[in-house]
Amino acid sequence: MTDPRLPLTGVPDVDAGHAADEASGLGSEVLRWLESSGWAQPRHIHNGRYARIYEAHARNGLKVAVQVQAPYALQRPKARHTLGNYLRLKLLPWLTPVHPNLVRYLSSGVLRLKIPETGRRLRLYYIVMPFIEGGTLQQALGDPAFRTGGLERLHGTILGILEGWSAIHARGLRQGDISPSNIILENGTWNPVLIDLRFSLRFAHKLIHEHRRFRSTLRAMLTGDWQNLRVFTPLSAEAVMAYWQSGRPDAESTRQLRAWMDFEAALGENGRLYLASPPKLLAAAREWASARTETGPVAYSVQGGRMMPR
């Protein structure tokens, strides 16, 4: 993996904010702090939306990614240093469950820096996690190799995301942005790993946000289009079939893709799975996956939160 996250396009002042931070000498100060803290071979590898990502090696040889809050992001009210934000940050490594579909946080804290060029003193949140060898789902959607695994890879990716999301909610956590850029597919296995976890009470408006982001990610996986994540017009069957069948249609894959399209539609405001909890969504997806058959067309409907043959 070269970048834990892809840069987000179309976000105002992100690039300008990072450029201003870099011009102030922040980058060299963070690298100096990493070295003085015992991290070997640190280097800056990526700018996320509100954070800078560094690669380093622990004393035991473990390769890690260190996410450091970007100073320009401190202008956001939610990013300010409050006791609540600090406690949530410190609790993340303890609350995050050990799960194959979730990033594992090793430590977190507050980095205190003084920028020599400006004399500005900064307090920045940071968090350390194992470096995941792989690429983002966003990268994979544009790579034909992702589709060479056939629909089994699609099934596995969807179920893996739901597995991780369900484990988060069992601990009172939420995934702040379930999007293709926040899901890493591990090299070799294509196992999906959710990153950018957050600690929060599960208020209704937060669940609505998560639901919409999961639905948009599912749509991206079906069509390969990750640039229109907030558009919820009915899916085009032609676009889905063209993306996954690559001009070689067959009845079985068509049936399976149409079933996932039905599942996506059920997540809408008028669907039976609208605002269903992640465990219920996982149960529905598992039910459909286990009911798949290799012979004959099978239609599916959502009944009581479960995908059922009809």
Protein backbone atom coordinates (compact mmCIF):
# COMPACT_ATOMS: atom_id res chain seq x y z
CA MET A 1 0.00 0.00 0.00
CA THR A 2 1.28 3.41 -0.87
CA ASP A 3 -1.48 5.54 0.65
CA PRO A 4 -3.78 4.53 3.54
CA ARG A 5 -6.37 6.89 2.10
CA LEU A 6 -6.89 8.55 -1.23
CA PRO A 7 -7.07 12.35 -1.35
CA LEU A 8 -10.61 13.65 -1.45
CA THR A 9 -11.44 15.81 -4.44
CA GLY A 10 -13.89 18.65 -4.46
CA VAL A 11 -13.41 19.45 -0.76
CA PRO A 12 -12.85 23.20 -0.34
CA ASP A 13 -9.57 24.47 1.17
CA VAL A 14 -8.20 21.01 2.01
CA ASP A 15 -5.23 21.30 -0.36
CA ALA A 16 -4.67 24.93 0.60
CA GLY A 17 -4.84 24.04 4.29
CA HIS A 18 -2.26 21.28 3.97
CA ALA A 19 -0.03 23.51 1.84
CA ALA A 20 -0.10 26.24 4.48
CA ASP A 21 0.71 23.71 7.23
CA GLU A 22 3.65 22.36 5.21
CA ALA A 23 4.97 25.85 4.46
CA SER A 24 5.02 26.61 8.19
CA GLY A 25 7.51 23.79 8.80
CA LEU A 26 5.00 21.45 10.41
CA GLY A 27 6.17 18.42 8.46
CA SER A 28 9.76 18.55 9.67
CA GLU A 29 8.63 19.11 13.27
CA VAL A 30 6.36 16.06 13.22
CA LEU A 31 9.14 13.92 11.76
CA ARG A 32 11.49 15.18 14.47
CA TRP A 33 8.91 14.28 17.13
CA LEU A 34 8.44 10.79 15.70
CA GLU A 35 12.19 10.14 15.76
CA SER A 36 12.57 11.47 19.31
CA SER A 37 9.66 9.24 20.41
CA GLY A 38 11.45 6.11 19.22
CA TRP A 39 9.82 5.61 15.83
CA ALA A 40 12.36 4.58 13.19
CA GLN A 41 12.45 5.68 9.53
CA PRO A 42 9.44 8.01 9.71
CA ARG A 43 8.19 9.58 6.51
CA HIS A 44 5.13 11.51 5.41
CA ILE A 45 3.07 9.46 2.93
CA HIS A 46 -0.32 11.07 2.58
CA ASN A 47 -2.64 13.98 3.38
CA GLY A 48 -6.16 12.99 4.35
CA ARG A 49 -9.09 15.31 4.68
CA TYR A 50 -8.31 16.48 8.22
CA ALA A 51 -5.10 14.63 9.03
CA ARG A 52 -1.57 13.88 7.84
CA ILE A 53 -0.46 10.25 7.63
CA TYR A 54 3.09 9.12 8.46
CA GLU A 55 4.73 5.72 8.09
CA ALA A 56 7.22 4.53 10.71
CA HIS A 57 8.63 1.42 12.41
CA ALA A 58 8.33 0.51 16.07
CA ARG A 59 11.28 -0.81 18.09
CA ASN A 60 10.03 -4.37 17.58
CA GLY A 61 10.02 -3.87 13.81
CA LEU A 62 6.26 -3.45 13.47
CA LYS A 63 5.37 -1.12 10.61
CA VAL A 64 2.80 1.45 11.69
CA ALA A 65 0.80 4.35 10.33
CA VAL A 66 0.60 7.46 12.50
CA GLN A 67 -2.35 9.75 11.86
CA VAL A 68 -1.68 13.31 13.05
CA GLN A 69 -4.36 15.97 13.15
CA ALA A 70 -3.82 18.74 10.58
CA PRO A 71 -3.53 22.19 12.21
CA TYR A 72 -5.83 23.83 9.66
CA ALA A 73 -8.55 21.37 10.73
CA LEU A 74 -8.57 22.90 14.23
CA GLN A 75 -10.85 25.58 12.79
CA ARG A 76 -13.63 22.99 12.79
CA PRO A 77 -15.66 23.06 16.04
CA LYS A 78 -15.75 19.24 16.26
CA ALA A 79 -11.94 19.11 16.09
CA ARG A 80 -11.23 21.48 18.96
CA HIS A 81 -9.44 20.26 22.05
CA THR A 82 -12.11 19.61 24.63
CA LEU A 83 -12.17 17.12 27.48
CA GLY A 84 -14.82 15.11 25.66
CA ASN A 85 -12.78 14.86 22.45
CA TYR A 86 -9.66 13.94 24.43
CA LEU A 87 -11.44 11.17 26.34
CA ARG A 88 -12.94 9.76 23.14
CA LEU A 89 -9.48 9.71 21.58
CA LYS A 90 -7.88 7.96 24.56
CA LEU A 91 -10.69 5.40 24.78
CA LEU A 92 -10.51 4.34 21.12
CA PRO A 93 -7.65 1.80 21.50
CA TRP A 94 -9.47 0.23 24.46
CA LEU A 95 -12.96 0.19 22.98
CA THR A 96 -12.20 -0.90 19.43
CA PRO A 97 -12.86 -4.66 19.17
CA VAL A 98 -10.21 -6.95 17.72
CA HIS A 99 -11.83 -7.95 14.46
CA PRO A 100 -10.46 -8.89 11.03
CA ASN A 101 -12.62 -6.21 9.37
CA LEU A 102 -11.60 -3.35 11.68
CA VAL A 103 -8.41 -1.35 11.99
CA ARG A 104 -6.63 -1.97 15.29
CA TYR A 105 -5.60 1.13 17.20
CA LEU A 106 -2.40 0.74 19.24
CA SER A 107 -2.15 4.07 21.05
CA SER A 108 -3.33 7.66 20.94
CA GLY A 109 -2.56 10.99 22.56
CA VAL A 110 -1.77 14.65 22.11
CA LEU A 111 1.32 15.87 20.27
CA ARG A 112 2.69 19.23 21.47
CA LEU A 113 4.76 21.17 18.96
CA LYS A 114 6.26 24.60 18.50
CA ILE A 115 6.75 25.75 14.92
CA PRO A 116 10.13 27.61 14.82
CA GLU A 117 9.23 29.69 11.77
CA THR A 118 6.17 31.22 13.39
CA GLY A 119 6.61 30.51 17.10
CA ARG A 120 3.12 29.01 17.09
CA ARG A 121 2.46 26.31 19.69
CA LEU A 122 0.22 23.45 18.64
CA ARG A 123 -1.58 20.61 20.38
CA LEU A 124 -2.53 17.95 17.82
CA TYR A 125 -4.32 14.67 18.31
CA TYR A 126 -2.54 11.59 16.98
CA ILE A 127 -3.32 7.89 16.78
CA VAL A 128 -1.10 4.91 15.93
CA MET A 129 -2.25 1.81 14.05
CA PRO A 130 -0.61 -1.12 12.24
CA PHE A 131 0.23 -0.33 8.63
CA ILE A 132 -2.19 -2.29 6.43
CA GLU A 133 -0.60 -3.60 3.24
CA GLY A 134 -3.19 -3.07 0.56
CA GLY A 135 -5.17 -0.38 -1.20
CA THR A 136 -8.46 1.38 -0.73
CA LEU A 137 -11.74 0.12 -2.10
CA GLN A 138 -11.83 3.38 -4.06
CA GLN A 139 -8.62 2.35 -5.83
CA ALA A 140 -9.91 -1.20 -6.37
CA LEU A 141 -13.10 -0.05 -8.08
CA GLY A 142 -10.99 1.34 -10.91
CA ASP A 143 -8.78 -1.75 -11.10
CA PRO A 144 -9.99 -4.66 -13.28
CA ALA A 145 -8.17 -7.05 -10.92
CA PHE A 146 -10.91 -6.44 -8.33
CA ARG A 147 -13.52 -7.89 -10.67
CA THR A 148 -11.43 -10.87 -11.72
CA GLY A 149 -12.51 -12.50 -8.45
CA GLY A 150 -16.05 -12.55 -9.81
CA LEU A 151 -19.17 -12.04 -7.75
CA GLU A 152 -17.73 -14.04 -4.86
CA ARG A 153 -15.38 -11.10 -4.29
CA LEU A 154 -18.34 -8.72 -4.33
CA HIS A 155 -20.23 -10.92 -1.83
CA GLY A 156 -17.18 -11.20 0.43
CA THR A 157 -16.53 -7.46 0.39
CA ILE A 158 -20.12 -6.54 1.23
CA LEU A 159 -20.37 -9.12 4.04
CA GLY A 160 -16.95 -8.10 5.42
CA ILE A 161 -17.98 -4.44 5.62
CA LEU A 162 -21.20 -5.40 7.40
CA GLU A 163 -19.28 -7.69 9.78
CA GLY A 164 -16.98 -4.85 10.80
CA TRP A 165 -19.80 -2.32 11.05
CA SER A 166 -21.80 -4.67 13.30
CA ALA A 167 -18.80 -5.23 15.59
CA ILE A 168 -18.37 -1.46 15.92
CA HIS A 169 -21.94 -0.91 17.04
CA ALA A 170 -21.67 -3.66 19.62
CA ARG A 171 -19.07 -1.47 21.37
CA GLY A 172 -20.84 1.88 20.99
CA LEU A 173 -18.53 3.01 18.20
CA ARG A 174 -19.42 4.30 14.79
CA GLN A 175 -17.65 4.48 11.46
CA GLY A 176 -17.75 8.18 10.76
CA ASP A 177 -17.54 7.83 6.99
CA ILE A 178 -18.27 4.44 5.42
CA SER A 179 -16.90 5.28 2.01
CA PRO A 180 -14.64 3.59 -0.55
CA SER A 181 -11.69 5.73 0.62
CA ASN A 182 -12.10 4.52 4.22
CA ILE A 183 -12.07 0.80 3.44
CA ILE A 184 -8.74 -0.95 2.91
CA LEU A 185 -8.59 -4.20 0.92
CA GLU A 186 -5.68 -6.28 2.19
CA ASN A 187 -3.14 -7.53 -0.32
CA GLY A 188 -3.58 -11.16 -1.28
CA THR A 189 -6.90 -11.76 0.50
CA TRP A 190 -8.95 -8.69 -0.53
CA ASN A 191 -10.28 -8.68 3.03
CA PRO A 192 -12.04 -5.32 3.71
CA VAL A 193 -10.85 -3.36 6.77
CA LEU A 194 -12.76 -0.32 8.04
CA ILE A 195 -10.64 2.62 9.15
CA ASP A 196 -11.43 6.06 10.63
CA LEU A 197 -13.43 4.68 13.57
CA ARG A 198 -14.97 7.05 16.10
CA PHE A 199 -16.48 6.75 19.55
CA SER A 200 -19.99 8.11 19.81
CA LEU A 201 -23.40 7.49 21.26
CA ARG A 202 -25.68 6.03 18.60
CA PHE A 203 -28.09 8.91 18.18
CA ALA A 204 -30.62 8.58 15.38
CA HIS A 205 -29.09 11.26 13.13
CA LYS A 206 -25.71 9.51 13.30
CA LEU A 207 -27.28 6.19 12.25
CA ILE A 208 -28.99 7.96 9.33
CA HIS A 209 -25.60 9.30 8.21
CA GLU A 210 -23.96 5.87 8.51
CA HIS A 211 -26.82 4.25 6.62
CA ARG A 212 -26.58 6.69 3.75
CA ARG A 213 -22.82 6.25 3.51
CA PHE A 214 -23.07 2.44 3.53
CA ARG A 215 -25.75 2.55 0.87
CA SER A 216 -23.68 4.87 -1.32
CA THR A 217 -20.65 2.56 -0.90
CA LEU A 218 -22.77 -0.45 -1.90
CA ARG A 219 -23.91 1.45 -4.99
CA ALA A 220 -20.28 2.25 -5.82
CA MET A 221 -19.37 -1.44 -5.56
CA LEU A 222 -22.20 -2.38 -7.91
CA THR A 223 -21.47 0.25 -10.56
CA GLY A 224 -17.80 1.15 -10.06
CA ASP A 225 -18.79 4.83 -9.72
CA TRP A 226 -17.41 6.32 -6.48
CA GLN A 227 -17.62 9.95 -7.59
CA ASN A 228 -21.39 10.31 -7.14
CA LEU A 229 -21.76 8.83 -3.68
CA ARG A 230 -24.62 11.09 -2.61
CA VAL A 231 -26.83 10.50 -5.63
CA PHE A 232 -29.60 8.02 -4.88
CA THR A 233 -31.48 7.77 -8.15
CA PRO A 234 -32.58 4.20 -9.01
CA LEU A 235 -29.66 2.04 -10.03
CA SER A 236 -29.25 1.36 -13.73
CA ALA A 237 -29.32 -2.38 -14.37
CA GLU A 238 -27.37 -1.79 -17.56
CA ALA A 239 -24.57 0.00 -15.66
CA VAL A 240 -24.37 -2.74 -13.02
CA MET A 241 -24.31 -5.56 -15.57
CA ALA A 242 -21.77 -3.77 -17.76
CA TYR A 243 -19.41 -3.17 -14.82
CA TRP A 244 -19.46 -6.72 -13.42
CA GLN A 245 -20.07 -8.84 -16.50
CA SER A 246 -17.60 -7.02 -18.80
CA GLY A 247 -19.59 -7.85 -21.91
CA ARG A 248 -19.93 -11.54 -20.98
CA PRO A 249 -23.42 -11.81 -19.47
CA ASP A 250 -24.73 -15.03 -17.98
CA ALA A 251 -28.02 -15.82 -16.28
CA GLU A 252 -26.57 -16.74 -12.87
CA SER A 253 -24.50 -13.58 -12.38
CA THR A 254 -27.40 -11.47 -13.69
CA ARG A 255 -29.68 -13.02 -11.06
CA GLN A 256 -27.19 -12.40 -8.27
CA LEU A 257 -26.55 -8.80 -9.29
CA ARG A 258 -30.27 -8.07 -9.48
CA ALA A 259 -30.65 -9.49 -5.97
CA TRP A 260 -27.99 -7.08 -4.66
CA MET A 261 -29.79 -4.26 -6.49
CA ASP A 262 -32.96 -5.25 -4.61
CA PHE A 263 -30.96 -5.22 -1.37
CA GLU A 264 -29.69 -1.71 -2.14
CA ALA A 265 -33.22 -0.50 -2.91
CA ALA A 266 -34.44 -1.90 0.42
CA LEU A 267 -32.02 0.48 2.19
CA GLY A 268 -33.88 3.51 0.83
CA GLU A 269 -36.36 5.58 2.81
CA ASN A 270 -39.28 3.50 1.54
CA GLY A 271 -37.46 0.20 1.88
CA ARG A 272 -37.91 -2.39 4.60
CA LEU A 273 -34.28 -2.16 5.67
CA TYR A 274 -34.25 1.62 6.05
CA LEU A 275 -32.36 2.47 9.27
CA ALA A 276 -32.12 -1.20 10.23
CA SER A 277 -29.27 -1.80 12.66
CA PRO A 278 -25.99 -3.12 11.22
CA PRO A 279 -26.54 -6.60 12.78
CA LYS A 280 -29.94 -6.81 11.07
CA LEU A 281 -28.43 -5.75 7.76
CA LEU A 282 -25.72 -8.38 8.19
CA ALA A 283 -28.34 -11.05 8.94
CA ALA A 284 -30.28 -10.02 5.84
CA ALA A 285 -27.18 -10.18 3.63
CA ARG A 286 -26.11 -13.54 5.10
CA GLU A 287 -29.58 -14.97 4.55
CA TRP A 288 -29.48 -14.04 0.92
CA ALA A 289 -25.90 -15.25 0.46
CA SER A 290 -26.71 -18.64 2.04
CA ALA A 291 -29.84 -18.99 -0.10
CA ARG A 292 -28.00 -18.57 -3.40
CA THR A 293 -28.41 -21.47 -5.77
CA GLU A 294 -26.57 -22.44 -8.91
CA THR A 295 -29.66 -23.73 -10.70
CA GLY A 296 -32.54 -21.73 -12.04
CA PRO A 297 -33.52 -18.09 -11.60
CA VAL A 298 -34.48 -17.08 -8.07
CA ALA A 299 -36.17 -13.79 -7.20
CA TYR A 300 -35.72 -12.23 -3.77
CA SER A 301 -37.70 -9.90 -1.55
CA VAL A 302 -37.04 -8.38 1.85
CA GLN A 303 -39.27 -9.81 4.58
CA GLY A 304 -38.82 -8.81 8.18
CA GLY A 305 -35.34 -7.46 7.54
CA ARG A 306 -34.19 -10.62 5.70
CA MET A 307 -33.61 -11.33 2.03
CA MET A 308 -35.92 -14.24 1.21
CA PRO A 309 -36.56 -16.19 -2.03
CA ARG A 310 -40.03 -15.67 -3.38
